Amino acid sequence: MKILAQRLKELRESRRIYQREMAENLGLSFRGYQNYETGQTEPKLCTLVALADFYGVSIDYLVGRTNRPDFKPED
C-alpha cells in the first residue's frame, strides 16, 4: 500500500525520528521497519495500531481512507 508507506515516512520525518529508533520503539528489526516505509511489506494489525497510537492518528489516516489525521478515542 503506497499511501501507508508514504504516510509512515512523512510522520516519522516530521518528528525527526530515525528509522532505527522507530524500529526499536516497535520492537522490530531495522530492516523490518524499513520495508514498511518502502512499501515492500505491510505491518500486522497490532503493529498498525501501535503506529497509529504512537503518532496520534487514526488507522484510517495511515491507510489512506481519510486525509484527516485527527484521532479522538471514545471513552
PDB file of N, CA and C in Angstrom:
ATOM      1  N   MET A   1       0.842  -1.169   0.000  1.00  0.00           N
ATOM      2  CA  MET A   1       0.000   0.000   0.000  1.00  0.00           C
ATOM      3  C   MET A   1       0.893   1.239   0.000  1.00  0.00           C
ATOM      4  N   LYS A   2       0.914   1.925  -1.110  1.00  0.00           N
ATOM      5  CA  LYS A   2       1.817   3.055  -1.288  1.00  0.00           C
ATOM      6  C   LYS A   2       1.534   4.197  -0.314  1.00  0.00           C
ATOM      7  N   ILE A   3       0.264   4.483  -0.074  1.00  0.00           N
ATOM      8  CA  ILE A   3      -0.088   5.600   0.810  1.00  0.00           C
ATOM      9  C   ILE A   3       0.382   5.338   2.242  1.00  0.00           C
ATOM     10  N   LEU A   4       0.286   4.097   2.697  1.00  0.00           N
ATOM     11  CA  LEU A   4       0.755   3.751   4.038  1.00  0.00           C
ATOM     12  C   LEU A   4       2.246   4.031   4.159  1.00  0.00           C
ATOM     13  N   ALA A   5       3.018   3.575   3.204  1.00  0.00           N
ATOM     14  CA  ALA A   5       4.466   3.792   3.226  1.00  0.00           C
ATOM     15  C   ALA A   5       4.790   5.283   3.249  1.00  0.00           C
ATOM     16  N   GLN A   6       4.108   6.028   2.419  1.00  0.00           N
ATOM     17  CA  GLN A   6       4.334   7.470   2.324  1.00  0.00           C
ATOM     18  C   GLN A   6       3.994   8.166   3.634  1.00  0.00           C
ATOM     19  N   ARG A   7       2.872   7.820   4.217  1.00  0.00           N
ATOM     20  CA  ARG A   7       2.449   8.489   5.459  1.00  0.00           C
ATOM     21  C   ARG A   7       3.347   8.115   6.639  1.00  0.00           C
ATOM     22  N   LEU A   8       3.784   6.866   6.696  1.00  0.00           N
ATOM     23  CA  LEU A   8       4.702   6.481   7.769  1.00  0.00           C
ATOM     24  C   LEU A   8       5.982   7.295   7.699  1.00  0.00           C
ATOM     25  N   LYS A   9       6.502   7.444   6.498  1.00  0.00           N
ATOM     26  CA  LYS A   9       7.738   8.206   6.322  1.00  0.00           C
ATOM     27  C   LYS A   9       7.521   9.678   6.677  1.00  0.00           C
ATOM     28  N   GLU A  10       6.423  10.267   6.199  1.00  0.00           N
ATOM     29  CA  GLU A  10       6.141  11.674   6.484  1.00  0.00           C
ATOM     30  C   GLU A  10       5.986  11.920   7.985  1.00  0.00           C
ATOM     31  N   LEU A  11       5.238  11.056   8.648  1.00  0.00           N
ATOM     32  CA  LEU A  11       5.027  11.217  10.088  1.00  0.00           C
ATOM     33  C   LEU A  11       6.334  11.082  10.861  1.00  0.00           C
ATOM     34  N   ARG A  12       7.124  10.095  10.495  1.00  0.00           N
ATOM     35  CA  ARG A  12       8.402   9.882  11.187  1.00  0.00           C
ATOM     36  C   ARG A  12       9.332  11.068  10.980  1.00  0.00           C
ATOM     37  N   GLU A  13       9.457  11.512   9.739  1.00  0.00           N
ATOM     38  CA  GLU A  13      10.360  12.620   9.446  1.00  0.00           C
ATOM     39  C   GLU A  13       9.889  13.923  10.089  1.00  0.00           C
ATOM     40  N   SER A  14       8.586  14.128  10.179  1.00  0.00           N
ATOM     41  CA  SER A  14       8.073  15.353  10.791  1.00  0.00           C
ATOM     42  C   SER A  14       8.417  15.426  12.278  1.00  0.00           C
ATOM     43  N   ARG A  15       8.662  14.277  12.869  1.00  0.00           N
ATOM     44  CA  ARG A  15       9.045  14.229  14.285  1.00  0.00           C
ATOM     45  C   ARG A  15      10.551  14.037  14.474  1.00  0.00           C
ATOM     46  N   ARG A  16      11.263  14.045  13.363  1.00  0.00           N
ATOM     47  CA  ARG A  16      12.736  13.911  13.365  1.00  0.00           C
ATOM     48  C   ARG A  16      13.192  12.653  14.103  1.00  0.00           C
ATOM     49  N   ILE A  17      12.582  11.554  13.735  1.00  0.00           N
ATOM     50  CA  ILE A  17      12.926  10.256  14.306  1.00  0.00           C
ATOM     51  C   ILE A  17      13.590   9.435  13.212  1.00  0.00           C
ATOM     52  N   TYR A  18      14.653   8.741  13.547  1.00  0.00           N
ATOM     53  CA  TYR A  18      15.324   7.854  12.591  1.00  0.00           C
ATOM     54  C   TYR A  18      14.560   6.543  12.472  1.00  0.00           C
ATOM     55  N   GLN A  19      14.718   5.887  11.338  1.00  0.00           N
ATOM     56  CA  GLN A  19      14.069   4.592  11.134  1.00  0.00           C
ATOM     57  C   GLN A  19      14.492   3.600  12.203  1.00  0.00           C
ATOM     58  N   ARG A  20      15.749   3.618  12.557  1.00  0.00           N
ATOM     59  CA  ARG A  20      16.252   2.689  13.571  1.00  0.00           C
ATOM     60  C   ARG A  20      15.551   2.911  14.917  1.00  0.00           C
ATOM     61  N   GLU A  21      15.348   4.168  15.285  1.00  0.00           N
ATOM     62  CA  GLU A  21      14.642   4.484  16.533  1.00  0.00           C
ATOM     63  C   GLU A  21      13.204   3.978  16.486  1.00  0.00           C
ATOM     64  N   MET A  22      12.550   4.195  15.355  1.00  0.00           N
ATOM     65  CA  MET A  22      11.169   3.759  15.213  1.00  0.00           C
ATOM     66  C   MET A  22      11.086   2.241  15.315  1.00  0.00           C
ATOM     67  N   ALA A  23      12.006   1.548  14.683  1.00  0.00           N
ATOM     68  CA  ALA A  23      12.032   0.093  14.751  1.00  0.00           C
ATOM     69  C   ALA A  23      12.181  -0.374  16.200  1.00  0.00           C
ATOM     70  N   GLU A  24      13.071   0.266  16.939  1.00  0.00           N
ATOM     71  CA  GLU A  24      13.272  -0.091  18.346  1.00  0.00           C
ATOM     72  C   GLU A  24      12.017   0.174  19.167  1.00  0.00           C
ATOM     73  N   ASN A  25      11.353   1.298  18.921  1.00  0.00           N
ATOM     74  CA  ASN A  25      10.119   1.631  19.642  1.00  0.00           C
ATOM     75  C   ASN A  25       9.041   0.570  19.433  1.00  0.00           C
ATOM     76  N   LEU A  26       9.030  -0.021  18.247  1.00  0.00           N
ATOM     77  CA  LEU A  26       8.011  -1.015  17.903  1.00  0.00           C
ATOM     78  C   LEU A  26       8.452  -2.448  18.172  1.00  0.00           C
ATOM     79  N   GLY A  27       9.716  -2.627  18.552  1.00  0.00           N
ATOM     80  CA  GLY A  27      10.238  -3.967  18.785  1.00  0.00           C
ATOM     81  C   GLY A  27      10.460  -4.734  17.495  1.00  0.00           C
ATOM     82  N   LEU A  28      10.825  -3.997  16.443  1.00  0.00           N
ATOM     83  CA  LEU A  28      11.065  -4.609  15.134  1.00  0.00           C
ATOM     84  C   LEU A  28      12.531  -4.495  14.758  1.00  0.00           C
ATOM     85  N   SER A  29      12.919  -5.261  13.757  1.00  0.00           N
ATOM     86  CA  SER A  29      14.262  -5.085  13.210  1.00  0.00           C
ATOM     87  C   SER A  29      14.272  -3.814  12.365  1.00  0.00           C
ATOM     88  N   PHE A  30      15.445  -3.255  12.191  1.00  0.00           N
ATOM     89  CA  PHE A  30      15.581  -2.059  11.367  1.00  0.00           C
ATOM     90  C   PHE A  30      15.068  -2.333   9.959  1.00  0.00           C
ATOM     91  N   ARG A  31      15.479  -3.448   9.387  1.00  0.00           N
ATOM     92  CA  ARG A  31      15.064  -3.816   8.027  1.00  0.00           C
ATOM     93  C   ARG A  31      13.548  -4.033   7.946  1.00  0.00           C
ATOM     94  N   GLY A  32      12.984  -4.624   8.986  1.00  0.00           N
ATOM     95  CA  GLY A  32      11.545  -4.854   9.018  1.00  0.00           C
ATOM     96  C   GLY A  32      10.776  -3.552   8.945  1.00  0.00           C
ATOM     97  N   TYR A  33      11.210  -2.570   9.733  1.00  0.00           N
ATOM     98  CA  TYR A  33      10.535  -1.274   9.687  1.00  0.00           C
ATOM     99  C   TYR A  33      10.789  -0.577   8.360  1.00  0.00           C
ATOM    100  N   GLN A  34      11.999  -0.658   7.888  1.00  0.00           N
ATOM    101  CA  GLN A  34      12.365  -0.024   6.621  1.00  0.00           C
ATOM    102  C   GLN A  34      11.471  -0.540   5.476  1.00  0.00           C
ATOM    103  N   ASN A  35      11.143  -1.810   5.525  1.00  0.00           N
ATOM    104  CA  ASN A  35      10.280  -2.399   4.497  1.00  0.00           C
ATOM    105  C   ASN A  35       8.877  -1.789   4.515  1.00  0.00           C
ATOM    106  N   TYR A  36       8.413  -1.349   5.670  1.00  0.00           N
ATOM    107  CA  TYR A  36       7.107  -0.679   5.733  1.00  0.00           C
ATOM    108  C   TYR A  36       7.150   0.636   4.966  1.00  0.00           C
ATOM    109  N   GLU A  37       8.230   1.385   5.154  1.00  0.00           N
ATOM    110  CA  GLU A  37       8.334   2.695   4.519  1.00  0.00           C
ATOM    111  C   GLU A  37       8.630   2.614   3.024  1.00  0.00           C
ATOM    112  N   THR A  38       9.135   1.510   2.566  1.00  0.00           N
ATOM    113  CA  THR A  38       9.374   1.354   1.132  1.00  0.00           C
ATOM    114  C   THR A  38       8.212   0.649   0.450  1.00  0.00           C
ATOM    115  N   GLY A  39       7.252   0.191   1.241  1.00  0.00           N
ATOM    116  CA  GLY A  39       6.086  -0.475   0.678  1.00  0.00           C
ATOM    117  C   GLY A  39       6.323  -1.924   0.301  1.00  0.00           C
ATOM    118  N   GLN A  40       7.444  -2.490   0.733  1.00  0.00           N
ATOM    119  CA  GLN A  40       7.744  -3.887   0.407  1.00  0.00           C
ATOM    120  C   GLN A  40       6.917  -4.851   1.244  1.00  0.00           C
ATOM    121  N   THR A  41       6.600  -4.452   2.466  1.00  0.00           N
ATOM    122  CA  THR A  41       5.737  -5.265   3.325  1.00  0.00           C
ATOM    123  C   THR A  41       4.765  -4.344   4.050  1.00  0.00           C
ATOM    124  N   GLU A  42       3.707  -4.930   4.577  1.00  0.00           N
ATOM    125  CA  GLU A  42       2.721  -4.175   5.346  1.00  0.00           C
ATOM    126  C   GLU A  42       2.711  -4.701   6.774  1.00  0.00           C
ATOM    127  N   PRO A  43       2.507  -3.799   7.725  1.00  0.00           N
ATOM    128  CA  PRO A  43       2.504  -4.221   9.126  1.00  0.00           C
ATOM    129  C   PRO A  43       1.277  -5.056   9.475  1.00  0.00           C
ATOM    130  N   LYS A  44       1.453  -5.904  10.479  1.00  0.00           N
ATOM    131  CA  LYS A  44       0.314  -6.644  11.039  1.00  0.00           C
ATOM    132  C   LYS A  44      -0.591  -5.651  11.744  1.00  0.00           C
ATOM    133  N   LEU A  45      -1.802  -6.063  12.008  1.00  0.00           N
ATOM    134  CA  LEU A  45      -2.781  -5.177  12.632  1.00  0.00           C
ATOM    135  C   LEU A  45      -2.277  -4.622  13.959  1.00  0.00           C
ATOM    136  N   CYS A  46      -1.673  -5.446  14.792  1.00  0.00           N
ATOM    137  CA  CYS A  46      -1.201  -4.969  16.094  1.00  0.00           C
ATOM    138  C   CYS A  46      -0.113  -3.900  15.927  1.00  0.00           C
ATOM    139  N   THR A  47       0.705  -4.018  14.908  1.00  0.00           N
ATOM    140  CA  THR A  47       1.737  -3.016  14.648  1.00  0.00           C
ATOM    141  C   THR A  47       1.107  -1.751  14.091  1.00  0.00           C
ATOM    142  N   LEU A  48       0.106  -1.901  13.241  1.00  0.00           N
ATOM    143  CA  LEU A  48      -0.602  -0.752  12.695  1.00  0.00           C
ATOM    144  C   LEU A  48      -1.264   0.054  13.807  1.00  0.00           C
ATOM    145  N   VAL A  49      -1.852  -0.642  14.769  1.00  0.00           N
ATOM    146  CA  VAL A  49      -2.465   0.023  15.925  1.00  0.00           C
ATOM    147  C   VAL A  49      -1.391   0.761  16.723  1.00  0.00           C
ATOM    148  N   ALA A  50      -0.251   0.124  16.945  1.00  0.00           N
ATOM    149  CA  ALA A  50       0.841   0.755  17.690  1.00  0.00           C
ATOM    150  C   ALA A  50       1.354   1.997  16.966  1.00  0.00           C
ATOM    151  N   LEU A  51       1.453   1.935  15.654  1.00  0.00           N
ATOM    152  CA  LEU A  51       1.894   3.094  14.875  1.00  0.00           C
ATOM    153  C   LEU A  51       0.893   4.236  14.974  1.00  0.00           C
ATOM    154  N   ALA A  52      -0.380   3.928  14.845  1.00  0.00           N
ATOM    155  CA  ALA A  52      -1.428   4.951  14.947  1.00  0.00           C
ATOM    156  C   ALA A  52      -1.404   5.587  16.331  1.00  0.00           C
ATOM    157  N   ASP A  53      -1.261   4.780  17.361  1.00  0.00           N
ATOM    158  CA  ASP A  53      -1.195   5.300  18.734  1.00  0.00           C
ATOM    159  C   ASP A  53       0.033   6.180  18.928  1.00  0.00           C
ATOM    160  N   PHE A  54       1.161   5.725  18.433  1.00  0.00           N
ATOM    161  CA  PHE A  54       2.411   6.465  18.592  1.00  0.00           C
ATOM    162  C   PHE A  54       2.306   7.857  17.964  1.00  0.00           C
ATOM    163  N   TYR A  55       1.752   7.910  16.758  1.00  0.00           N
ATOM    164  CA  TYR A  55       1.658   9.181  16.041  1.00  0.00           C
ATOM    165  C   TYR A  55       0.391   9.975  16.375  1.00  0.00           C
ATOM    166  N   GLY A  56      -0.539   9.366  17.101  1.00  0.00           N
ATOM    167  CA  GLY A  56      -1.766  10.060  17.460  1.00  0.00           C
ATOM    168  C   GLY A  56      -2.679  10.310  16.270  1.00  0.00           C
ATOM    169  N   VAL A  57      -2.707   9.353  15.360  1.00  0.00           N
ATOM    170  CA  VAL A  57      -3.566   9.445  14.176  1.00  0.00           C
ATOM    171  C   VAL A  57      -4.442   8.204  14.107  1.00  0.00           C
ATOM    172  N   SER A  58      -5.410   8.233  13.214  1.00  0.00           N
ATOM    173  CA  SER A  58      -6.269   7.060  13.051  1.00  0.00           C
ATOM    174  C   SER A  58      -5.639   6.076  12.074  1.00  0.00           C
ATOM    175  N   ILE A  59      -6.027   4.837  12.185  1.00  0.00           N
ATOM    176  CA  ILE A  59      -5.582   3.832  11.224  1.00  0.00           C
ATOM    177  C   ILE A  59      -6.112   4.195   9.843  1.00  0.00           C
ATOM    178  N   ASP A  60      -7.326   4.728   9.783  1.00  0.00           N
ATOM    179  CA  ASP A  60      -7.887   5.149   8.501  1.00  0.00           C
ATOM    180  C   ASP A  60      -6.977   6.168   7.816  1.00  0.00           C
ATOM    181  N   TYR A  61      -6.400   7.064   8.582  1.00  0.00           N
ATOM    182  CA  TYR A  61      -5.471   8.039   8.008  1.00  0.00           C
ATOM    183  C   TYR A  61      -4.220   7.333   7.479  1.00  0.00           C
ATOM    184  N   LEU A  62      -3.667   6.435   8.265  1.00  0.00           N
ATOM    185  CA  LEU A  62      -2.452   5.742   7.847  1.00  0.00           C
ATOM    186  C   LEU A  62      -2.640   4.992   6.529  1.00  0.00           C
ATOM    187  N   VAL A  63      -3.792   4.368   6.364  1.00  0.00           N
ATOM    188  CA  VAL A  63      -4.001   3.542   5.163  1.00  0.00           C
ATOM    189  C   VAL A  63      -4.686   4.294   4.027  1.00  0.00           C
ATOM    190  N   GLY A  64      -4.928   5.585   4.210  1.00  0.00           N
ATOM    191  CA  GLY A  64      -5.445   6.391   3.121  1.00  0.00           C
ATOM    192  C   GLY A  64      -6.951   6.436   2.960  1.00  0.00           C
ATOM    193  N   ARG A  65      -7.686   5.990   3.953  1.00  0.00           N
ATOM    194  CA  ARG A  65      -9.156   6.036   3.866  1.00  0.00           C
ATOM    195  C   ARG A  65      -9.688   7.424   4.165  1.00  0.00           C
ATOM    196  N   THR A  66      -8.874   8.268   4.779  1.00  0.00           N
ATOM    197  CA  THR A  66      -9.225   9.658   5.050  1.00  0.00           C
ATOM    198  C   THR A  66      -7.951  10.486   5.011  1.00  0.00           C
ATOM    199  N   ASN A  67      -8.109  11.751   4.757  1.00  0.00           N
ATOM    200  CA  ASN A  67      -6.965  12.661   4.777  1.00  0.00           C
ATOM    201  C   ASN A  67      -6.911  13.458   6.071  1.00  0.00           C
ATOM    202  N   ARG A  68      -7.824  13.146   6.994  1.00  0.00           N
ATOM    203  CA  ARG A  68      -7.845  13.814   8.298  1.00  0.00           C
ATOM    204  C   ARG A  68      -7.097  12.948   9.313  1.00  0.00           C
ATOM    205  N   PRO A  69      -5.951  13.416   9.778  1.00  0.00           N
ATOM    206  CA  PRO A  69      -5.162  12.604  10.707  1.00  0.00           C
ATOM    207  C   PRO A  69      -5.685  12.570  12.131  1.00  0.00           C
ATOM    208  N   ASP A  70      -6.576  13.500  12.478  1.00  0.00           N
ATOM    209  CA  ASP A  70      -7.006  13.576  13.874  1.00  0.00           C
ATOM    210  C   ASP A  70      -7.710  12.319  14.339  1.00  0.00           C
ATOM    211  N   PHE A  71      -7.442  12.004  15.565  1.00  0.00           N
ATOM    212  CA  PHE A  71      -7.964  10.786  16.176  1.00  0.00           C
ATOM    213  C   PHE A  71      -8.509  11.140  17.542  1.00  0.00           C
ATOM    214  N   LYS A  72      -9.768  10.795  17.755  1.00  0.00           N
ATOM    215  CA  LYS A  72     -10.385  11.068  19.052  1.00  0.00           C
ATOM    216  C   LYS A  72     -11.003   9.790  19.582  1.00  0.00           C
ATOM    217  N   PRO A  73     -10.290   9.125  20.499  1.00  0.00           N
ATOM    218  CA  PRO A  73     -10.824   7.883  21.054  1.00  0.00           C
ATOM    219  C   PRO A  73     -12.077   8.140  21.884  1.00  0.00           C
ATOM    220  N   GLU A  74     -12.966   7.191  21.826  1.00  0.00           N
ATOM    221  CA  GLU A  74     -14.192   7.292  22.627  1.00  0.00           C
ATOM    222  C   GLU A  74     -13.912   6.809  24.037  1.00  0.00           C
ATOM    223  N   ASP A  75     -14.591   7.390  25.000  1.00  0.00           N
ATOM    224  CA  ASP A  75     -14.408   6.990  26.401  1.00  0.00           C
ATOM    225  C   ASP A  75     -15.126   5.701  26.689  1.00  0.00           C
TER     226      ASP A  75
END
